[in-house]
Each structure stands twice: as C-alpha cells, then as structure tokens.
C-alpha cells in the first residue's frame, strides 16, 4: 500500500478516535447531570419516609410501617447506586475492595433487595450451597441483581418465573450459572446483548435489554472472568460467568 493511502487511513482513524473521545466525554457529562438531578428527589423521598416512620412507628397501622421501611431502604440503595454510577463515570470500575465473601450471603442480600419484584411475579428462586469468592462485594451484588432482575422481568404471564442458581469450581475460578424459564433471547441477539445500549424487543411488549448486561460484562471482566449466554425463545435463558476464588495476579 502506498504511503499516501496509509497516511489517509491514519488520518481517518485519528478522526474516529477523536469522535469516540468526544462521545465518551458527552456520556460522562450526561451521567453526572442525571445522577445529580436524581439525588434531589431521592433526598425528598428519604426525608419524608423518615418523618412518616416517626409518625406511624408507635401506631399499630397494619402494613404502613413495613411499606415505609421498604421505601426508605429502596431510596438508600438507589442513592448508593447513583454514587456508584458517578464513580464509574469518573474512574471506571475499580477493584479497591476485593475481599473474600460468601456468594450465598450475597444472593440472600440480593433476594431481600428484590423481595417486592419476587412477590409481584410469585417468582421461585433456588440456589445451591455456593462457594466463597474473592471479589468486590458491591460490584458482584450489582451483577447478581441485574441478572436475577432480568430473569424475573422477562417472563411471559401467567407463567411462574423459575430461576435456579448453581456453581462449579474450575481451578482458581468458580463458574456461576443463572438459569430461568423466561421468554428467551432471539438467537440473532446473542452476540450483541452485552453491547452498551443494545436492546431488543420480544413478543412481550416493552421487554428489552439495555445497559445492565454491558455493566455485568464489565464487572465480570474486571474480576478476570468471562460471561456468556445461551437461550431459546419461549424456553428460557442461561447466563454463565466466572469469578475468582482467590486473589488474581
């Protein structure tokens, strides 16, 4: 190839890189704006739920206190998530808090966080005795939460969502498997669902996969692992991903 052609290709590549940098900067700015705007109504929700709890905690009004506690807890978790998004937009995913954690404890916490969705869909979730992993706790909780939420959400009524979580030790990693009986993912999307902002629509109106799965991939990759999907429409979906059981070099 001639020197002139190489120079033109180099210039084209540099222009693409510059456009990507500008796009990334715009997305970071957008994330900052959204996060700061979301924090204000969250503070209002948290403040008024606290006041309401003080008012009703000593009064035996059936269900009210429990609902207020769920609202307050949800606002607190959302605030943590917003802070994580802000940190991610600035620094990317980091693993400063890598420690040994019980995967069973993480799953229990995630199921508690998703208790409302589970009850609404009458979802049945089972899991084995899972191993100890070496991970960033908040990131892995977000990983499990995203995948389990999808498994609950993408299910065709009136079918009862069944979700099974298993694990298999492989050297210094453990392979987790989250299997559901949901609507499935069309085969043509299997290679694309982990791309950012990539969505698809199934026969369930409004069903789509967005940035959540891309975040899952980033979290798994950040821990030195990999994630893959197998799925069949109207049968279900299985996500498999690897996480370390000991410090990675």
Protein backbone atom coordinates (compact mmCIF):
# COMPACT_ATOMS: atom_id res chain seq x y z
CA UNK A 1 0.00 0.00 0.00
CA UNK A 2 1.32 3.42 -0.94
CA UNK A 3 2.45 5.95 1.65
CA UNK A 4 -0.34 8.36 0.73
CA UNK A 5 -3.03 5.72 1.27
CA UNK A 6 -1.51 4.78 4.64
CA UNK A 7 -1.46 8.41 5.67
CA UNK A 8 -5.12 8.82 4.70
CA UNK A 9 -6.13 5.75 6.69
CA UNK A 10 -4.16 7.03 9.66
CA UNK A 11 -5.95 10.37 9.48
CA UNK A 12 -9.34 8.64 9.23
CA UNK A 13 -8.50 6.51 12.26
CA UNK A 14 -7.43 9.55 14.25
CA UNK A 15 -10.71 11.27 13.43
CA UNK A 16 -12.69 8.22 14.61
CA UNK A 17 -10.69 8.10 17.86
CA UNK A 18 -11.33 11.82 18.43
CA UNK A 19 -15.06 11.36 17.85
CA UNK A 20 -15.12 8.46 20.33
CA UNK A 21 -13.32 10.57 22.92
CA UNK A 22 -15.86 13.36 22.47
CA UNK A 23 -18.74 10.89 22.70
CA UNK A 24 -17.30 9.38 25.88
CA UNK A 25 -16.91 12.85 27.36
CA UNK A 26 -20.54 13.66 26.49
CA UNK A 27 -21.74 10.43 28.10
CA UNK A 28 -19.77 11.17 31.27
CA UNK A 29 -21.30 14.64 31.40
CA UNK A 30 -24.76 13.16 30.85
CA UNK A 31 -24.20 10.65 33.67
CA UNK A 32 -23.15 13.45 36.03
CA UNK A 33 -26.19 15.56 35.21
CA UNK A 34 -28.62 12.64 35.57
CA UNK A 35 -27.10 11.49 38.84
CA UNK A 36 -27.14 14.92 40.44
CA UNK A 37 -30.72 15.51 39.27
CA UNK A 38 -31.83 12.15 40.68
CA UNK A 39 -30.28 12.79 44.07
CA UNK A 40 -32.64 15.67 44.89
CA UNK A 41 -35.96 13.73 44.66
CA UNK A 42 -34.26 10.83 46.44
CA UNK A 43 -33.41 13.08 49.37
CA UNK A 44 -37.06 14.16 49.48
CA UNK A 45 -38.29 10.55 49.43
CA UNK A 46 -35.85 9.56 52.16
CA UNK A 47 -36.63 12.58 54.34
CA UNK A 48 -40.41 12.21 54.17
CA UNK A 49 -40.32 8.44 54.66
CA UNK A 50 -38.23 9.03 57.80
CA UNK A 51 -40.77 11.57 59.08
CA UNK A 52 -43.64 9.22 58.30
CA UNK A 53 -41.88 6.37 60.10
CA UNK A 54 -41.54 8.51 63.22
CA UNK A 55 -45.25 9.30 62.99
CA UNK A 56 -46.52 5.76 62.48
CA UNK A 57 -43.90 3.55 64.16
CA UNK A 58 -45.71 3.56 67.52
CA UNK A 59 -49.15 3.28 65.92
CA UNK A 60 -50.32 -0.18 65.00
CA UNK A 61 -51.44 0.55 61.44
CA UNK A 62 -51.19 -2.73 59.58
CA UNK A 63 -48.67 -2.69 56.72
CA UNK A 64 -47.89 1.04 56.84
CA UNK A 65 -44.60 0.81 58.75
CA UNK A 66 -43.42 -2.09 56.60
CA UNK A 67 -44.19 -0.15 53.40
CA UNK A 68 -42.41 2.94 54.69
CA UNK A 69 -39.34 0.89 55.60
CA UNK A 70 -39.29 -0.61 52.10
CA UNK A 71 -39.49 2.90 50.58
CA UNK A 72 -36.69 4.21 52.82
CA UNK A 73 -34.50 1.17 52.15
CA UNK A 74 -35.11 1.43 48.40
CA UNK A 75 -34.16 5.12 48.42
CA UNK A 76 -30.97 4.30 50.31
CA UNK A 77 -29.97 1.57 47.85
CA UNK A 78 -30.74 3.83 44.89
CA UNK A 79 -28.55 6.53 46.39
CA UNK A 80 -25.70 4.01 46.67
CA UNK A 81 -26.24 3.01 43.05
CA UNK A 82 -26.19 6.64 41.90
CA UNK A 83 -22.93 7.17 43.77
CA UNK A 84 -21.52 4.09 42.05
CA UNK A 85 -22.59 5.42 38.64
CA UNK A 86 -20.89 8.73 39.41
CA UNK A 87 -17.71 6.96 40.46
CA UNK A 88 -17.84 4.74 37.38
CA UNK A 89 -18.27 7.73 35.05
CA UNK A 90 -15.18 9.32 36.60
CA UNK A 91 -12.88 6.39 37.29
CA UNK A 92 -14.39 3.34 35.65
CA UNK A 93 -14.92 0.10 37.56
CA UNK A 94 -12.23 -0.38 40.19
CA UNK A 95 -11.46 -3.25 42.49
CA UNK A 96 -10.21 -1.45 45.57
CA UNK A 97 -12.43 -3.53 47.86
CA UNK A 98 -11.50 -7.05 46.80
CA UNK A 99 -12.09 -9.41 49.72
CA UNK A 100 -13.33 -12.91 50.44
CA UNK A 101 -17.13 -13.08 50.51
CA UNK A 102 -19.77 -15.78 50.76
CA UNK A 103 -21.70 -15.99 47.50
CA UNK A 104 -24.65 -17.34 49.47
CA UNK A 105 -24.72 -14.20 51.64
CA UNK A 106 -24.63 -12.05 48.50
CA UNK A 107 -27.55 -13.94 46.95
CA UNK A 108 -29.55 -13.64 50.18
CA UNK A 109 -28.97 -9.89 50.20
CA UNK A 110 -29.95 -9.55 46.53
CA UNK A 111 -33.16 -11.55 47.07
CA UNK A 112 -34.02 -9.33 50.01
CA UNK A 113 -33.50 -6.25 47.83
CA UNK A 114 -35.72 -7.76 45.12
CA UNK A 115 -38.43 -9.01 47.51
CA UNK A 116 -41.14 -6.77 46.04
CA UNK A 117 -40.50 -7.91 42.44
CA UNK A 118 -40.30 -11.53 43.57
CA UNK A 119 -43.65 -11.29 45.35
CA UNK A 120 -45.32 -9.46 42.48
CA UNK A 121 -44.35 -12.16 39.98
CA UNK A 122 -44.58 -15.06 42.51
CA UNK A 123 -41.08 -15.96 41.36
CA UNK A 124 -39.45 -19.12 42.68
CA UNK A 125 -35.67 -18.82 43.11
CA UNK A 126 -33.47 -21.70 44.20
CA UNK A 127 -29.73 -21.89 44.69
CA UNK A 128 -27.11 -24.39 45.80
CA UNK A 129 -24.63 -24.01 48.60
CA UNK A 130 -22.39 -21.54 46.81
CA UNK A 131 -18.64 -21.06 47.39
CA UNK A 132 -16.55 -18.29 48.89
CA UNK A 133 -15.32 -15.90 46.22
CA UNK A 134 -12.68 -13.17 46.11
CA UNK A 135 -14.47 -10.12 44.77
CA UNK A 136 -15.59 -6.55 45.09
CA UNK A 137 -18.77 -7.10 47.10
CA UNK A 138 -20.83 -4.19 45.76
CA UNK A 139 -19.95 -4.93 42.16
CA UNK A 140 -20.85 -8.61 42.42
CA UNK A 141 -24.11 -7.80 44.23
CA UNK A 142 -24.92 -5.49 41.29
CA UNK A 143 -24.03 -8.31 38.88
CA UNK A 144 -26.36 -10.83 40.53
CA UNK A 145 -29.07 -8.21 40.96
CA UNK A 146 -29.06 -7.30 37.26
CA UNK A 147 -29.19 -10.91 36.08
CA UNK A 148 -31.86 -12.02 38.57
CA UNK A 149 -33.96 -8.92 37.87
CA UNK A 150 -33.89 -9.72 34.14
CA UNK A 151 -34.83 -13.33 34.84
CA UNK A 152 -37.86 -12.18 36.86
CA UNK A 153 -38.87 -9.42 34.47
CA UNK A 154 -38.63 -11.22 31.13
CA UNK A 155 -41.22 -13.87 31.79
CA UNK A 156 -44.48 -14.36 29.94
CA UNK A 157 -47.55 -14.07 32.17
CA UNK A 158 -49.11 -16.21 33.59
CA UNK A 159 -46.04 -18.44 33.67
CA UNK A 160 -44.40 -18.57 37.10
CA UNK A 161 -40.74 -17.48 36.91
CA UNK A 162 -38.40 -20.29 37.99
CA UNK A 163 -34.78 -19.25 38.50
CA UNK A 164 -32.01 -21.63 39.52
CA UNK A 165 -28.50 -20.57 40.55
CA UNK A 166 -25.69 -23.13 40.58
CA UNK A 167 -21.90 -23.06 40.71
CA UNK A 168 -18.96 -25.17 39.63
CA UNK A 169 -15.36 -24.72 40.83
CA UNK A 170 -12.82 -24.53 37.99
CA UNK A 171 -9.25 -24.15 39.26
CA UNK A 172 -8.98 -20.69 40.85
CA UNK A 173 -12.36 -19.58 39.50
CA UNK A 174 -15.96 -20.55 40.04
CA UNK A 175 -18.45 -20.70 37.19
CA UNK A 176 -21.88 -19.45 38.20
CA UNK A 177 -24.95 -20.37 36.22
CA UNK A 178 -28.25 -18.46 36.40
CA UNK A 179 -30.97 -20.32 34.53
CA UNK A 180 -34.56 -19.16 34.00
CA UNK A 181 -37.70 -20.28 32.18
CA UNK A 182 -38.45 -16.89 30.67
CA UNK A 183 -39.24 -15.61 27.19
CA UNK A 184 -35.70 -16.23 25.96
CA UNK A 185 -33.48 -14.13 23.73
CA UNK A 186 -33.66 -14.39 19.93
CA UNK A 187 -30.57 -16.11 18.58
CA UNK A 188 -29.58 -13.17 16.39
CA UNK A 189 -29.08 -11.06 19.52
CA UNK A 190 -26.84 -13.46 21.44
CA UNK A 191 -23.63 -11.76 20.28
CA UNK A 192 -25.00 -8.25 20.79
CA UNK A 193 -26.76 -8.22 24.16
CA UNK A 194 -23.58 -7.28 26.06
CA UNK A 195 -23.04 -4.17 23.93
CA UNK A 196 -23.88 -0.84 25.63
CA UNK A 197 -27.39 0.47 24.90
CA UNK A 198 -28.15 -2.55 22.73
CA UNK A 199 -31.80 -3.51 23.06
CA UNK A 200 -34.19 -5.99 21.57
CA UNK A 201 -37.94 -6.42 21.74
CA UNK A 202 -39.61 -9.75 22.15
CA UNK A 203 -43.26 -10.62 21.90
CA UNK A 204 -43.63 -9.21 25.44
CA UNK A 205 -44.24 -5.55 24.64
CA UNK A 206 -41.67 -3.34 26.29
CA UNK A 207 -39.23 -6.14 27.08
CA UNK A 208 -35.67 -5.11 26.32
CA UNK A 209 -32.10 -5.50 27.46
CA UNK A 210 -30.13 -2.26 27.84
CA UNK A 211 -27.00 -1.13 29.61
CA UNK A 212 -27.43 -3.57 32.51
CA UNK A 213 -25.88 -6.52 30.70
CA UNK A 214 -23.00 -4.39 29.48
CA UNK A 215 -22.32 -3.48 33.11
CA UNK A 216 -22.47 -7.19 34.01
CA UNK A 217 -19.81 -7.92 31.40
CA UNK A 218 -17.61 -5.10 32.71
CA UNK A 219 -17.91 -6.37 36.29
CA UNK A 220 -17.03 -9.94 35.33
CA UNK A 221 -14.13 -8.79 33.16
CA UNK A 222 -12.95 -6.55 35.98
CA UNK A 223 -12.64 -9.71 38.10
CA UNK A 224 -10.64 -11.54 35.44
CA UNK A 225 -13.57 -13.67 34.31
CA UNK A 226 -15.85 -14.05 31.30
CA UNK A 227 -19.61 -14.19 30.75
CA UNK A 228 -21.70 -15.89 28.07
CA UNK A 229 -25.33 -16.59 27.33
CA UNK A 230 -27.32 -19.45 25.87
CA UNK A 231 -31.02 -19.01 25.21
CA UNK A 232 -34.01 -20.33 23.35
CA UNK A 233 -37.17 -18.35 22.72
CA UNK A 234 -40.14 -19.39 24.91
CA UNK A 235 -37.90 -21.86 26.76
CA UNK A 236 -35.52 -19.75 28.82
CA UNK A 237 -32.09 -18.21 29.21
CA UNK A 238 -28.91 -19.27 30.97
CA UNK A 239 -26.09 -16.90 31.87
CA UNK A 240 -22.72 -18.39 32.81
CA UNK A 241 -19.91 -16.30 34.25
CA UNK A 242 -16.60 -16.81 36.02
CA UNK A 243 -15.47 -15.15 39.25
CA UNK A 244 -12.23 -15.76 41.19
CA UNK A 245 -11.98 -17.77 44.39
CA UNK A 246 -8.64 -16.23 45.36
CA UNK A 247 -6.60 -13.10 44.61
CA UNK A 248 -5.79 -12.72 40.93
CA UNK A 249 -2.34 -11.65 39.77
